[in-house]
Each structure stands twice: as structure tokens, then as C-alpha cells.
């Protein structure tokens, strides 16, 4: 089981609307449980976001790093990392 930082949990809780029409979590505990259930990933750079997408079968040819950052599954964390949540 992956341990998600408070930064990950709070960022997801605050911004979950970018990926889901309805909230999937109301509390920090629910957000953490949801991230664990969907095996959300934390990566250090947009290049790693690209690698993650490619490894998971997404066609990212021609997508710029800015487009990757704008993807609904990608949550930019205040510390410079990225949380990837597959809905």
C-alpha cells in the first residue's frame, strides 16, 4: 500500500472536480482511501507523467508537456511533483 502525503490528499480533495463530475471524497480519510483504491501514482516530472501514460497504454504521441499537465488525470502538487489519478 502506498502512503500518500498530506499534500497529495489535500490537493486531490480540493481539485477532484477536474476529473469527476461528482465528489468521490468528502474528507481527507476518504480521499486517501480513494487514492489507494485506484492506485494513484506520484511522479517527479512531466516527463515521468508521459512515461506513466505510455506504460499504461495511453497514446501520448504529439502531446506537449503543457497538454500533459492539463490532462484531467494529472494533479500538479505544490511541491513540484504530480499526482496521477485514473478515474
Protein backbone atom coordinates (compact mmCIF):
# COMPACT_ATOMS: atom_id res chain seq x y z
CA UNK A 1 0.00 0.00 0.00
CA UNK A 2 1.32 3.42 -0.96
CA UNK A 3 1.49 6.20 1.60
CA UNK A 4 0.12 9.46 0.21
CA UNK A 5 1.42 12.71 1.64
CA UNK A 6 -0.92 15.26 3.13
CA UNK A 7 -0.06 17.44 0.12
CA UNK A 8 -1.38 14.73 -2.26
CA UNK A 9 -4.53 14.16 -0.25
CA UNK A 10 -5.41 17.83 0.15
CA UNK A 11 -4.66 18.64 -3.49
CA UNK A 12 -6.86 15.78 -4.68
CA UNK A 13 -9.65 16.68 -2.25
CA UNK A 14 -9.63 20.32 -3.36
CA UNK A 15 -9.35 19.62 -7.12
CA UNK A 16 -11.21 16.33 -7.61
CA UNK A 17 -13.79 18.19 -9.72
CA UNK A 18 -11.31 18.39 -12.59
CA UNK A 19 -11.67 14.61 -13.03
CA UNK A 20 -15.07 13.74 -11.57
CA UNK A 21 -18.47 15.38 -12.06
CA UNK A 22 -19.49 14.43 -8.51
CA UNK A 23 -17.17 14.40 -5.47
CA UNK A 24 -15.72 10.97 -4.70
CA UNK A 25 -14.41 12.05 -1.28
CA UNK A 26 -15.61 14.48 1.36
CA UNK A 27 -12.88 14.03 3.97
CA UNK A 28 -9.12 13.54 3.98
CA UNK A 29 -9.61 9.92 5.05
CA UNK A 30 -12.00 9.26 2.15
CA UNK A 31 -9.61 10.95 -0.28
CA UNK A 32 -6.70 8.83 0.92
CA UNK A 33 -8.77 5.64 0.68
CA UNK A 34 -9.85 6.56 -2.85
CA UNK A 35 -6.26 7.24 -3.95
CA UNK A 36 -5.21 3.89 -2.51
CA UNK A 37 -8.10 2.05 -4.18
CA UNK A 38 -7.31 3.43 -7.63
CA UNK A 39 -3.55 3.10 -7.07
CA UNK A 40 -2.84 6.73 -7.86
CA UNK A 41 0.79 7.43 -8.75
CA UNK A 42 3.09 10.24 -7.69
CA UNK A 43 5.84 11.22 -10.12
CA UNK A 44 8.54 13.86 -10.06
CA UNK A 45 8.22 15.48 -13.50
CA UNK A 46 6.05 15.87 -16.58
CA UNK A 47 8.45 13.55 -18.40
CA UNK A 48 7.55 10.89 -15.83
CA UNK A 49 3.86 11.67 -16.41
CA UNK A 50 4.48 10.92 -20.12
CA UNK A 51 6.30 7.68 -19.22
CA UNK A 52 3.44 6.64 -16.93
CA UNK A 53 0.83 7.26 -19.63
CA UNK A 54 2.87 5.37 -22.23
CA UNK A 55 3.42 2.41 -19.87
CA UNK A 56 -0.32 2.26 -19.26
CA UNK A 57 -1.26 2.22 -22.93
CA UNK A 58 -2.28 5.83 -23.48
CA UNK A 59 -1.44 7.34 -26.84
CA UNK A 60 0.51 10.48 -25.96
CA UNK A 61 2.31 10.96 -29.28
CA UNK A 62 2.17 14.60 -30.20
CA UNK A 63 1.10 15.78 -26.74
CA UNK A 64 3.19 18.60 -25.34
CA UNK A 65 4.25 18.65 -21.70
CA UNK A 66 1.78 21.50 -21.15
CA UNK A 67 -1.03 19.34 -22.53
CA UNK A 68 0.03 16.54 -20.20
CA UNK A 69 -0.10 18.89 -17.23
CA UNK A 70 -3.61 19.96 -18.30
CA UNK A 71 -4.89 16.37 -18.52
CA UNK A 72 -7.79 15.82 -16.11
CA UNK A 73 -5.96 12.85 -14.54
CA UNK A 74 -2.92 14.94 -13.61
CA UNK A 75 -2.88 16.99 -10.42
CA UNK A 76 0.07 19.36 -10.00
CA UNK A 77 1.27 19.27 -6.40
CA UNK A 78 2.57 22.42 -4.69
CA UNK A 79 5.99 20.81 -4.12
CA UNK A 80 6.56 20.29 -7.85
CA UNK A 81 5.51 16.65 -8.13
CA UNK A 82 2.45 15.30 -9.97
CA UNK A 83 -0.34 13.04 -8.75
CA UNK A 84 -1.86 10.85 -11.46
CA UNK A 85 -5.36 9.55 -10.74
CA UNK A 86 -7.09 7.29 -13.23
CA UNK A 87 -10.84 7.73 -12.97
